[in-house]
Amino acid sequence: MTCRKHLYLLLSLLLPTAGLPAAPPADSCATREWTLEETIERACTASPDAQAARHSFRAAYWDWRAYKANYLPALTLTSNPNLNRAINSVTMSDGSVRFVEQNLLTSDLSLQLTQQIPWTGGSVSLETSLQRVDLFSEGSASWKSIPANISYSQSLFGYNSQKWERRIEPLRYEEAQKSYLETMELVAARAVDLFFALASAQSNYETACQNYAYADTLYQFARGRYEIGTITESEMLQLEINRLSEETNRLDARIEVEEATQELCSYLGFQEGEGPKAVRIRTELPEVSVDAARALLWARAQNPDMASLKRQAIEAESAVAQAKANAGFKADLYLRFGLTQTADNLGEAYRRLLDQQVVSVGFTLPLLDWGRGRGRVRVAQSQRDLVNTQVEQSRTDFDQNVRKIVGQFNLQNLRVRVAGRTDSTARRRGEVARRLYLLGRSSVLDLNASITEKDDARRGYLSALHTYWSLYYTLRSLTLYDFLADRPLRADYEALLADRPAPPAPAP
């Protein structure tokens, strides 16, 4: 019996290295192991979400450019030649109407410079034009020139859309810039999820291979011990069941690795057969403690949701102003002053110019609309009050969410350290449990319990690391602030518009 115990003890010391797989799945050795930093950098340049974010920002940028162009001078050249050969009714000098054959060509050319006036909502324009009429039936031609013509149009007491656009559009573009930064951080968070999904699958596979090797070795020992009568048949059968279960777990884990690899490679924009086949986890974590009050200030200033809420409140006020303007007295003013002349030749058409003036004032005053205008105003005011209530509630919820994420992140570093110690302790306990079982000092139930605890501790450790980095990038997406570099997040928008996206700073 003493010799047998010594044999068991010797084998138990050799067991941790006997029968273990030399490497992860064959495909995992096809390429080097990817780090979290490389995965995030690739995701921020090649993932579908990153590409969609770039296209969305470009669309917002050109909308912003179009808005700014509305307030720059616009120069327009217009021509509308018209050939008319027909029999038309013509009113004669005596008032009679006769059908006359006409064969004429009307040509015109107009150059107009227009400028919007955002403070009043009006527009001023400067125009010069020239017209020519050729009467082919009579072989004659005439000219009409307008060397200079200045006009101004203005809506009085109406809705000034330009004034409200000057308040809304800058917020919309600012929101687009911040949304791009936020999306990049969310892309990083998604890459973290897929990275740790593959890391967890790899760990599960390695654990399953190790557990199968242990279970197979224990089963072989059990058969020998059963033959000499030191264990019962029930215990031997239990070890055989363990061996078969671990073999099934190993197959399932292999499939899990393949699925996680495919999902990660697809998100990173790799074609089939390309991309990372294995990942490497760095267990060291940066020493970062985030101040909740400071994070909240950055979140309020930087987060695109805050800009969106501000824009929604202004748009609601704009809708009220428009409803009030449409319900009351409205007037339109049009002024024009210019010089003109007509002659049979081009030179005479620019001599002895005559002045021309046009002043037009039109107004609309609803006398009886059965309360429709007042009703539209009340609806707009109610909608504005609702929007303001929703905005305040959204801001409160946002503040609470930021504080919650900050609190969870500050505690997660400690949780990772605890999970790491638990993983290390559970591994040592598993080794001890196997040795005790081989020496006959513990039951198979204790052995199974130690294996379960070891596997759960390893999964818990990887889950804690995953949660840490997920919280880190979630917090960055809320605040648009890099707490490691102690600076706000920035993007090279010029490179972005030139389709040269610069990736964000890699994970620490």
Protein backbone atom coordinates (compact mmCIF):
# COMPACT_ATOMS: atom_id res chain seq x y z
CA MET A 1 0.00 0.00 0.00
CA THR A 2 2.88 2.37 0.82
CA CYS A 3 4.45 1.84 -2.62
CA ARG A 4 1.07 2.45 -4.24
CA LYS A 5 0.69 5.77 -2.41
CA HIS A 6 4.15 6.83 -3.51
CA LEU A 7 3.25 5.95 -7.07
CA TYR A 8 0.06 8.02 -6.85
CA LEU A 9 1.97 10.95 -5.40
CA LEU A 10 4.57 10.84 -8.17
CA LEU A 11 1.92 10.71 -10.86
CA SER A 12 -0.02 13.56 -9.26
CA LEU A 13 3.07 15.75 -9.45
CA LEU A 14 3.47 14.94 -13.13
CA LEU A 15 -0.25 15.25 -13.86
CA PRO A 16 -0.47 19.05 -14.34
CA THR A 17 1.70 18.81 -17.46
CA ALA A 18 0.72 15.37 -18.69
CA GLY A 19 -1.87 15.14 -21.42
CA LEU A 20 -2.36 18.94 -21.80
CA PRO A 21 -2.84 20.40 -25.29
CA ALA A 22 0.31 21.97 -26.70
CA ALA A 23 -1.63 24.94 -28.12
CA PRO A 24 -5.14 26.26 -28.75
CA PRO A 25 -6.96 25.16 -31.91
CA ALA A 26 -4.83 24.74 -35.03
CA ASP A 27 -6.36 27.88 -36.57
CA SER A 28 -5.29 29.94 -33.56
CA CYS A 29 -1.64 29.58 -34.55
CA ALA A 30 -2.24 30.86 -38.08
CA THR A 31 -1.55 34.46 -37.03
CA ARG A 32 -0.05 36.23 -34.06
CA GLU A 33 -2.18 37.10 -31.07
CA TRP A 34 -3.98 40.45 -31.23
CA THR A 35 -4.02 42.87 -28.33
CA LEU A 36 -6.95 44.96 -27.21
CA GLU A 37 -5.25 48.13 -28.49
CA GLU A 38 -4.85 46.69 -32.00
CA THR A 39 -8.43 45.47 -32.03
CA ILE A 40 -9.82 48.89 -31.07
CA GLU A 41 -7.64 50.71 -33.59
CA ARG A 42 -8.76 48.40 -36.38
CA ALA A 43 -12.42 48.72 -35.36
CA CYS A 44 -12.24 52.53 -35.40
CA THR A 45 -10.96 52.53 -38.98
CA ALA A 46 -12.53 49.52 -40.72
CA SER A 47 -15.66 48.43 -38.84
CA PRO A 48 -19.10 49.03 -40.43
CA ASP A 49 -20.12 51.29 -37.54
CA ALA A 50 -17.02 53.47 -37.98
CA GLN A 51 -17.61 53.80 -41.71
CA ALA A 52 -21.26 54.71 -41.13
CA ALA A 53 -20.17 57.35 -38.60
CA ARG A 54 -17.82 58.91 -41.13
CA HIS A 55 -20.51 59.06 -43.81
CA SER A 56 -22.99 60.57 -41.34
CA PHE A 57 -20.51 63.26 -40.35
CA ARG A 58 -19.74 64.11 -43.97
CA ALA A 59 -23.44 64.52 -44.69
CA ALA A 60 -23.79 66.81 -41.66
CA TYR A 61 -20.73 68.79 -42.77
CA TRP A 62 -22.14 69.48 -46.22
CA ASP A 63 -25.47 70.48 -44.67
CA TRP A 64 -23.50 72.95 -42.55
CA ARG A 65 -21.67 74.26 -45.60
CA ALA A 66 -24.97 74.70 -47.43
CA TYR A 67 -26.38 76.64 -44.47
CA LYS A 68 -23.37 78.97 -44.36
CA ALA A 69 -23.55 79.47 -48.13
CA ASN A 70 -27.10 80.80 -47.73
CA TYR A 71 -25.68 83.91 -46.05
CA LEU A 72 -22.98 84.56 -48.64
CA PRO A 73 -23.60 86.67 -51.77
CA ALA A 74 -25.09 84.61 -54.59
CA LEU A 75 -24.31 85.51 -58.18
CA THR A 76 -26.69 84.17 -60.83
CA LEU A 77 -26.60 84.39 -64.61
CA THR A 78 -29.97 83.82 -66.28
CA SER A 79 -31.03 83.58 -69.91
CA ASN A 80 -34.35 82.46 -71.41
CA PRO A 81 -34.46 82.87 -75.22
CA ASN A 82 -37.85 82.30 -76.83
CA LEU A 83 -38.73 81.83 -80.52
CA ASN A 84 -42.41 82.46 -81.34
CA ARG A 85 -43.84 81.89 -84.80
CA ALA A 86 -47.63 81.73 -84.67
CA ILE A 87 -50.89 83.56 -85.27
CA ASN A 88 -51.82 85.35 -82.10
CA SER A 89 -54.60 87.66 -81.01
CA VAL A 90 -53.31 91.25 -80.71
CA THR A 91 -55.15 94.24 -79.26
CA MET A 92 -54.95 97.16 -81.71
CA SER A 93 -54.67 100.86 -80.84
CA ASP A 94 -58.40 101.40 -81.33
CA GLY A 95 -59.23 98.64 -78.86
CA SER A 96 -60.14 96.02 -81.40
CA VAL A 97 -58.61 92.59 -81.43
CA ARG A 98 -57.19 91.06 -84.55
CA PHE A 99 -55.36 87.84 -85.34
CA VAL A 100 -51.88 88.70 -86.53
CA GLU A 101 -49.11 86.45 -87.75
CA GLN A 102 -46.05 86.90 -85.56
CA ASN A 103 -42.51 85.69 -86.16
CA LEU A 104 -40.20 86.95 -83.44
CA LEU A 105 -37.26 85.94 -81.27
CA THR A 106 -36.95 87.21 -77.70
CA SER A 107 -33.49 87.01 -76.13
CA ASP A 108 -32.46 88.11 -72.65
CA LEU A 109 -29.48 87.95 -70.35
CA SER A 110 -29.59 88.83 -66.66
CA LEU A 111 -26.86 88.95 -63.99
CA GLN A 112 -28.09 89.16 -60.40
CA LEU A 113 -26.23 89.44 -57.08
CA THR A 114 -28.32 88.55 -54.01
CA GLN A 115 -27.51 88.86 -50.31
CA GLN A 116 -29.61 87.61 -47.39
CA ILE A 117 -30.03 89.90 -44.37
CA PRO A 118 -30.35 87.51 -41.39
CA TRP A 119 -31.07 90.22 -38.78
CA THR A 120 -34.28 91.29 -40.55
CA GLY A 121 -35.07 88.21 -42.62
CA GLY A 122 -35.05 90.22 -45.83
CA SER A 123 -32.91 90.09 -48.94
CA VAL A 124 -31.26 92.70 -51.13
CA SER A 125 -30.32 92.17 -54.76
CA LEU A 126 -28.43 94.05 -57.46
CA GLU A 127 -29.29 93.20 -61.07
CA THR A 128 -28.28 94.17 -64.56
CA SER A 129 -30.04 92.83 -67.64
CA LEU A 130 -30.39 93.23 -71.40
CA GLN A 131 -33.26 92.16 -73.67
CA ARG A 132 -33.56 92.03 -77.47
CA VAL A 133 -36.64 91.41 -79.64
CA ASP A 134 -36.20 90.44 -83.33
CA LEU A 135 -39.28 90.79 -85.58
CA PHE A 136 -38.43 88.58 -88.56
CA SER A 137 -41.63 89.49 -90.41
CA GLU A 138 -40.60 93.20 -90.42
CA GLY A 139 -36.84 92.74 -90.39
CA SER A 140 -36.42 94.94 -87.34
CA ALA A 141 -35.01 94.62 -83.83
CA SER A 142 -35.28 96.53 -80.56
CA TRP A 143 -33.30 96.58 -77.32
CA LYS A 144 -34.15 97.17 -73.68
CA SER A 145 -31.42 97.67 -71.11
CA ILE A 146 -31.48 97.80 -67.32
CA PRO A 147 -27.90 98.77 -66.41
CA ALA A 148 -28.55 98.74 -62.69
CA ASN A 149 -31.50 97.68 -60.61
CA ILE A 150 -31.43 97.38 -56.80
CA SER A 151 -34.30 95.80 -54.87
CA TYR A 152 -35.13 94.90 -51.31
CA SER A 153 -37.83 92.56 -50.02
CA GLN A 154 -38.85 92.19 -46.41
CA SER A 155 -41.58 90.44 -44.49
CA LEU A 156 -42.95 92.72 -41.76
CA PHE A 157 -44.20 91.24 -38.48
CA GLY A 158 -43.64 87.77 -39.89
CA TYR A 159 -41.60 84.75 -38.91
CA ASN A 160 -37.86 85.35 -39.37
CA SER A 161 -36.62 81.88 -40.24
CA GLN A 162 -33.07 83.13 -40.78
CA LYS A 163 -32.79 84.40 -37.20
CA TRP A 164 -33.79 81.01 -35.79
CA GLU A 165 -31.56 79.12 -38.23
CA ARG A 166 -28.57 81.10 -36.94
CA ARG A 167 -29.30 79.70 -33.49
CA ILE A 168 -30.19 76.14 -34.50
CA GLU A 169 -27.77 75.19 -37.30
CA PRO A 170 -24.52 75.79 -35.34
CA LEU A 171 -25.89 73.52 -32.61
CA ARG A 172 -26.78 70.90 -35.20
CA TYR A 173 -23.25 70.88 -36.60
CA GLU A 174 -21.71 70.85 -33.13
CA GLU A 175 -23.95 67.89 -32.34
CA ALA A 176 -22.71 66.09 -35.47
CA GLN A 177 -19.07 66.59 -34.45
CA LYS A 178 -19.67 65.31 -30.94
CA SER A 179 -21.80 62.43 -32.22
CA TYR A 180 -18.88 61.27 -34.36
CA LEU A 181 -16.59 61.22 -31.32
CA GLU A 182 -19.25 59.43 -29.28
CA THR A 183 -19.75 56.83 -32.00
CA MET A 184 -16.03 56.13 -32.13
CA GLU A 185 -16.04 55.42 -28.39
CA LEU A 186 -19.07 53.17 -28.79
CA VAL A 187 -17.25 51.38 -31.61
CA ALA A 188 -14.35 50.85 -29.20
CA ALA A 189 -16.79 49.51 -26.60
CA ARG A 190 -18.22 47.10 -29.19
CA ALA A 191 -14.69 45.99 -30.09
CA VAL A 192 -14.05 45.37 -26.39
CA ASP A 193 -17.13 43.13 -26.23
CA LEU A 194 -16.08 41.07 -29.24
CA PHE A 195 -12.45 40.92 -28.09
CA PHE A 196 -13.39 39.53 -24.71
CA ALA A 197 -15.94 37.19 -26.27
CA LEU A 198 -13.08 35.59 -28.18
CA ALA A 199 -10.79 35.74 -25.14
CA SER A 200 -13.43 34.01 -23.04
CA ALA A 201 -13.97 31.39 -25.75
CA GLN A 202 -10.22 30.77 -25.93
CA SER A 203 -9.99 30.44 -22.17
CA ASN A 204 -12.97 28.08 -22.12
CA TYR A 205 -11.34 25.94 -24.80
CA GLU A 206 -8.00 25.79 -22.99
CA THR A 207 -9.76 24.98 -19.74
CA ALA A 208 -11.86 22.30 -21.44
CA CYS A 209 -8.73 20.71 -22.93
CA GLN A 210 -7.01 20.77 -19.57
CA ASN A 211 -10.05 19.38 -17.77
CA TYR A 212 -10.41 16.62 -20.35
CA ALA A 213 -6.75 15.65 -19.94
CA TYR A 214 -7.19 15.52 -16.15
CA ALA A 215 -10.48 13.63 -16.42
CA ASP A 216 -8.98 11.08 -18.83
CA THR A 217 -5.96 10.51 -16.58
CA LEU A 218 -8.12 10.16 -13.49
CA TYR A 219 -10.35 7.71 -15.30
CA GLN A 220 -7.35 5.56 -16.24
CA PHE A 221 -6.22 5.57 -12.57
CA ALA A 222 -9.75 4.72 -11.48
CA ARG A 223 -9.83 1.65 -13.64
CA GLY A 224 -6.64 0.39 -12.05
CA ARG A 225 -7.88 1.13 -8.54
CA TYR A 226 -11.22 -0.52 -9.32
CA GLU A 227 -9.46 -3.68 -10.46
CA ILE A 228 -7.62 -3.94 -7.14
CA GLY A 229 -10.79 -3.06 -5.24
CA THR A 230 -9.80 0.27 -3.67
CA ILE A 231 -12.77 2.19 -5.17
CA THR A 232 -16.35 1.29 -5.89
CA GLU A 233 -17.88 0.76 -9.31
CA SER A 234 -20.12 3.81 -8.77
CA GLU A 235 -17.07 6.05 -8.26
CA MET A 236 -15.37 4.66 -11.34
CA LEU A 237 -18.51 5.23 -13.43
CA GLN A 238 -18.73 8.78 -12.11
CA LEU A 239 -15.20 9.45 -13.31
CA GLU A 240 -16.08 8.00 -16.70
CA ILE A 241 -19.07 10.31 -16.90
CA ASN A 242 -16.78 13.21 -16.00
CA ARG A 243 -14.43 12.22 -18.82
CA LEU A 244 -17.25 12.09 -21.37
CA SER A 245 -18.68 15.39 -20.16
CA GLU A 246 -15.31 17.10 -20.47
CA GLU A 247 -14.91 15.74 -23.98
CA THR A 248 -18.28 17.26 -24.89
CA ASN A 249 -17.28 20.54 -23.27
CA ARG A 250 -14.09 20.58 -25.30
CA LEU A 251 -16.01 20.17 -28.56
CA ASP A 252 -18.51 22.87 -27.59
CA ALA A 253 -15.68 25.21 -26.64
CA ARG A 254 -13.99 24.64 -30.00
CA ILE A 255 -17.18 25.69 -31.78
CA GLU A 256 -17.46 28.72 -29.49
CA VAL A 257 -13.93 29.82 -30.45
CA GLU A 258 -14.70 29.53 -34.16
CA GLU A 259 -17.93 31.54 -33.85
CA ALA A 260 -16.32 34.27 -31.73
CA THR A 261 -13.41 34.50 -34.18
CA GLN A 262 -15.72 34.87 -37.17
CA GLU A 263 -17.79 37.56 -35.45
CA LEU A 264 -14.72 39.57 -34.44
CA CYS A 265 -13.10 39.33 -37.88
CA SER A 266 -16.34 40.33 -39.57
CA TYR A 267 -16.71 43.42 -37.38
CA LEU A 268 -13.09 44.41 -38.00
CA GLY A 269 -13.69 44.33 -41.75
CA PHE A 270 -11.58 41.28 -42.60
CA GLN A 271 -12.40 38.93 -45.42
CA GLU A 272 -12.91 35.23 -44.80
CA GLY A 273 -9.70 33.59 -43.66
CA GLU A 274 -8.11 36.89 -42.63
CA GLY A 275 -7.85 38.69 -39.34
CA PRO A 276 -6.98 37.65 -35.79
CA LYS A 277 -7.39 34.03 -34.81
CA ALA A 278 -6.30 34.54 -31.22
CA VAL A 279 -6.13 37.40 -28.74
CA ARG A 280 -3.84 38.19 -25.85
CA ILE A 281 -5.12 39.78 -22.65
CA ARG A 282 -3.04 42.21 -20.66
CA THR A 283 -3.91 41.84 -17.01
CA GLU A 284 -2.27 45.08 -15.82
CA LEU A 285 -4.77 47.88 -15.40
CA PRO A 286 -4.07 51.61 -15.28
CA GLU A 287 -4.50 53.36 -11.96
CA VAL A 288 -7.35 55.69 -12.83
CA SER A 289 -9.82 57.23 -10.42
CA VAL A 290 -12.47 59.48 -11.95
CA ASP A 291 -13.96 62.37 -10.00
CA ALA A 292 -17.73 62.26 -10.41
CA ALA A 293 -18.24 66.05 -10.30
CA ARG A 294 -15.52 66.63 -12.90
CA ALA A 295 -16.83 63.87 -15.15
CA LEU A 296 -20.33 65.38 -14.91
CA LEU A 297 -19.05 68.81 -15.99
CA TRP A 298 -17.34 67.32 -19.02
CA ALA A 299 -20.38 65.22 -19.88
CA ARG A 300 -22.67 68.26 -19.80
CA ALA A 301 -20.28 70.27 -21.94
CA GLN A 302 -19.20 67.57 -24.42
CA ASN A 303 -21.94 64.99 -24.81
CA PRO A 304 -23.94 65.29 -28.07
CA ASP A 305 -27.16 64.52 -26.20
CA MET A 306 -26.78 67.80 -24.32
CA ALA A 307 -26.42 69.72 -27.58
CA SER A 308 -29.43 67.84 -28.94
CA LEU A 309 -31.56 68.76 -25.93
CA LYS A 310 -30.59 72.41 -26.26
CA ARG A 311 -31.44 72.34 -29.95
CA GLN A 312 -34.82 70.74 -29.29
CA ALA A 313 -35.71 73.49 -26.81
CA ILE A 314 -34.80 76.22 -29.33
CA GLU A 315 -36.74 74.46 -32.10
CA ALA A 316 -39.79 74.38 -29.83
CA GLU A 317 -39.45 78.14 -29.24
CA SER A 318 -39.09 78.63 -32.99
CA ALA A 319 -42.33 76.75 -33.60
CA VAL A 320 -44.16 79.03 -31.13
CA ALA A 321 -42.77 82.15 -32.85
CA GLN A 322 -43.86 80.83 -36.24
CA ALA A 323 -47.36 80.03 -35.00
CA LYS A 324 -47.75 83.53 -33.51
CA ALA A 325 -46.50 85.17 -36.71
CA ASN A 326 -48.90 83.18 -38.89
CA ALA A 327 -51.87 83.91 -36.63
CA GLY A 328 -51.56 87.71 -36.57
CA PHE A 329 -51.07 90.70 -38.82
CA LYS A 330 -48.61 90.14 -41.67
CA ALA A 331 -47.18 92.56 -44.20
CA ASP A 332 -44.67 92.32 -47.04
CA LEU A 333 -42.55 95.21 -48.27
CA TYR A 334 -40.88 95.36 -51.67
CA LEU A 335 -38.69 98.24 -52.88
CA ARG A 336 -36.95 98.59 -56.23
CA PHE A 337 -34.99 101.36 -57.88
CA GLY A 338 -33.15 101.20 -61.17
CA LEU A 339 -32.27 102.72 -64.53
CA THR A 340 -33.61 101.61 -67.91
CA GLN A 341 -33.84 102.58 -71.59
CA THR A 342 -35.02 101.14 -74.88
CA ALA A 343 -33.78 101.75 -78.44
CA ASP A 344 -33.42 100.17 -81.83
CA ASN A 345 -29.68 99.64 -81.38
CA LEU A 346 -27.51 98.51 -78.53
CA GLY A 347 -25.57 101.74 -78.05
CA GLU A 348 -28.65 103.94 -77.77
CA ALA A 349 -30.15 101.56 -75.23
CA TYR A 350 -27.52 102.74 -72.71
CA ARG A 351 -27.91 106.50 -73.29
CA ARG A 352 -30.20 108.99 -71.58
CA LEU A 353 -31.24 106.40 -69.02
CA LEU A 354 -34.61 106.72 -67.34
CA ASP A 355 -35.15 105.92 -63.69
CA GLN A 356 -37.78 103.51 -62.45
CA GLN A 357 -39.10 102.91 -58.94
CA VAL A 358 -41.40 100.33 -57.47
CA VAL A 359 -42.80 100.38 -53.94
CA SER A 360 -45.15 97.63 -52.90
CA VAL A 361 -46.71 96.98 -49.50
CA GLY A 362 -49.11 94.12 -48.99
CA PHE A 363 -50.71 93.01 -45.76
CA THR A 364 -52.92 90.26 -44.44
CA LEU A 365 -55.11 90.63 -41.39
CA PRO A 366 -57.29 87.66 -40.38
CA LEU A 367 -60.67 89.02 -39.34
CA LEU A 368 -62.56 85.78 -38.84
CA ASP A 369 -60.74 82.45 -38.62
CA TRP A 370 -62.85 80.83 -35.88
CA GLY A 371 -59.88 80.57 -33.53
CA ARG A 372 -57.65 78.51 -35.82
CA GLY A 373 -54.66 80.80 -35.44
CA ARG A 374 -55.03 81.00 -31.67
CA GLY A 375 -55.42 77.22 -31.53
CA ARG A 376 -52.17 76.70 -33.46
CA VAL A 377 -50.40 79.02 -31.04
CA ARG A 378 -51.75 77.09 -28.05
CA VAL A 379 -50.69 73.79 -29.60
CA ALA A 380 -47.18 75.12 -30.24
CA GLN A 381 -46.96 76.46 -26.68
CA SER A 382 -48.11 73.13 -25.24
CA GLN A 383 -45.60 71.29 -27.37
CA ARG A 384 -42.88 73.69 -26.20
CA ASP A 385 -43.78 73.10 -22.55
CA LEU A 386 -43.76 69.34 -23.15
CA VAL A 387 -40.36 69.52 -24.81
CA ASN A 388 -38.97 71.62 -21.95
CA THR A 389 -40.27 69.06 -19.43
CA GLN A 390 -38.76 66.19 -21.38
CA VAL A 391 -35.47 68.06 -21.73
CA GLU A 392 -35.22 68.64 -17.99
CA GLN A 393 -36.06 65.01 -17.24
CA SER A 394 -33.52 63.81 -19.82
CA ARG A 395 -30.85 65.99 -18.25
CA THR A 396 -31.64 64.61 -14.80
CA ASP A 397 -31.52 61.02 -16.07
CA PHE A 398 -28.29 61.77 -17.91
CA ASP A 399 -26.64 63.16 -14.77
CA GLN A 400 -27.69 60.11 -12.77
CA ASN A 401 -26.36 57.76 -15.43
CA VAL A 402 -22.99 59.52 -15.49
CA ARG A 403 -22.68 59.32 -11.71
CA LYS A 404 -23.64 55.63 -11.80
CA ILE A 405 -21.08 54.76 -14.49
CA VAL A 406 -18.36 56.70 -12.64
CA GLY A 407 -19.11 54.86 -9.40
CA GLN A 408 -19.10 51.48 -11.12
CA PHE A 409 -15.84 52.23 -12.92
CA ASN A 410 -14.04 53.38 -9.78
CA LEU A 411 -14.98 50.13 -8.03
CA GLN A 412 -14.25 47.86 -10.97
CA ASN A 413 -10.47 48.01 -10.57
CA LEU A 414 -10.81 46.54 -7.07
CA ARG A 415 -13.21 43.91 -8.39
CA VAL A 416 -10.68 42.89 -11.02
CA ARG A 417 -7.97 42.46 -8.38
CA VAL A 418 -10.31 40.40 -6.18
CA ALA A 419 -11.34 38.27 -9.16
CA GLY A 420 -7.67 37.75 -10.04
CA ARG A 421 -6.84 36.53 -6.55
CA THR A 422 -9.91 34.29 -6.59
CA ASP A 423 -8.79 32.79 -9.91
CA SER A 424 -5.29 32.12 -8.58
CA THR A 425 -6.61 30.60 -5.35
CA ALA A 426 -9.13 28.42 -7.17
CA ARG A 427 -6.39 27.08 -9.43
CA ARG A 428 -4.26 26.12 -6.45
CA ARG A 429 -7.25 24.53 -4.75
CA GLY A 430 -7.91 22.46 -7.88
CA GLU A 431 -4.36 21.16 -7.85
CA VAL A 432 -4.64 20.25 -4.17
CA ALA A 433 -8.01 18.55 -4.70
CA ARG A 434 -6.56 16.37 -7.47
CA ARG A 435 -3.61 15.34 -5.34
CA LEU A 436 -5.85 14.53 -2.36
CA TYR A 437 -8.10 12.45 -4.56
CA LEU A 438 -5.18 10.51 -5.96
CA LEU A 439 -4.02 9.85 -2.41
CA GLY A 440 -7.49 8.66 -1.53
CA ARG A 441 -8.12 11.42 0.99
CA SER A 442 -11.11 13.07 -0.73
CA SER A 443 -14.15 12.01 -2.70
CA VAL A 444 -14.98 12.53 -6.34
CA LEU A 445 -17.63 15.05 -5.29
CA ASP A 446 -14.95 17.26 -3.73
CA LEU A 447 -12.88 16.90 -6.88
CA ASN A 448 -15.79 17.93 -9.13
CA ALA A 449 -16.57 20.88 -6.87
CA SER A 450 -12.97 22.13 -7.08
CA ILE A 451 -13.02 21.87 -10.89
CA THR A 452 -16.28 23.82 -11.08
CA GLU A 453 -14.94 26.51 -8.75
CA LYS A 454 -11.74 26.80 -10.77
CA ASP A 455 -13.60 27.20 -14.06
CA ASP A 456 -16.08 29.70 -12.57
CA ALA A 457 -13.25 31.73 -11.04
CA ARG A 458 -11.49 31.95 -14.41
CA ARG A 459 -14.66 33.06 -16.16
CA GLY A 460 -15.31 35.55 -13.39
CA TYR A 461 -11.85 37.06 -13.80
CA LEU A 462 -12.25 37.50 -17.55
CA SER A 463 -15.72 38.93 -16.99
CA ALA A 464 -14.30 41.46 -14.52
CA LEU A 465 -11.65 42.56 -17.03
CA HIS A 466 -14.30 42.81 -19.74
CA THR A 467 -16.53 44.93 -17.51
CA TYR A 468 -13.63 47.24 -16.63
CA TRP A 469 -12.80 48.12 -20.23
CA SER A 470 -16.46 48.27 -21.22
CA LEU A 471 -17.12 50.79 -18.43
CA TYR A 472 -14.00 52.73 -19.41
CA TYR A 473 -15.10 53.29 -22.99
CA THR A 474 -18.72 53.85 -21.96
CA LEU A 475 -17.50 56.61 -19.64
CA ARG A 476 -15.41 58.09 -22.46
CA SER A 477 -18.44 58.05 -24.75
CA LEU A 478 -20.49 59.93 -22.15
CA THR A 479 -17.88 62.58 -21.35
CA LEU A 480 -15.82 62.63 -24.57
CA TYR A 481 -12.83 62.94 -22.26
CA ASP A 482 -9.62 60.91 -22.02
CA PHE A 483 -9.06 60.50 -18.30
CA LEU A 484 -5.64 58.89 -18.76
CA ALA A 485 -4.25 61.73 -20.89
CA ASP A 486 -6.37 64.26 -18.95
CA ARG A 487 -7.68 66.02 -22.03
CA PRO A 488 -10.87 66.17 -24.12
CA LEU A 489 -11.20 63.82 -27.06
CA ARG A 490 -10.52 65.38 -30.44
CA ALA A 491 -10.78 64.29 -34.06
CA ASP A 492 -9.02 65.48 -37.20
CA TYR A 493 -12.12 66.49 -39.15
CA GLU A 494 -10.10 67.67 -42.16
CA ALA A 495 -8.57 64.22 -42.50
CA LEU A 496 -11.98 62.71 -41.94
CA LEU A 497 -13.48 64.69 -44.83
CA ALA A 498 -10.52 63.65 -46.97
CA ASP A 499 -11.29 60.00 -46.11
CA ARG A 500 -8.18 59.65 -43.97
CA PRO A 501 -9.73 58.78 -40.62
CA ALA A 502 -7.33 59.07 -37.73
CA PRO A 503 -7.98 56.44 -35.06
CA PRO A 504 -8.54 57.55 -31.49
CA ALA A 505 -5.90 57.14 -28.84
CA PRO A 506 -5.40 53.42 -28.15
CA ALA A 507 -6.47 51.86 -24.89
CA PRO A 508 -3.90 52.19 -22.12
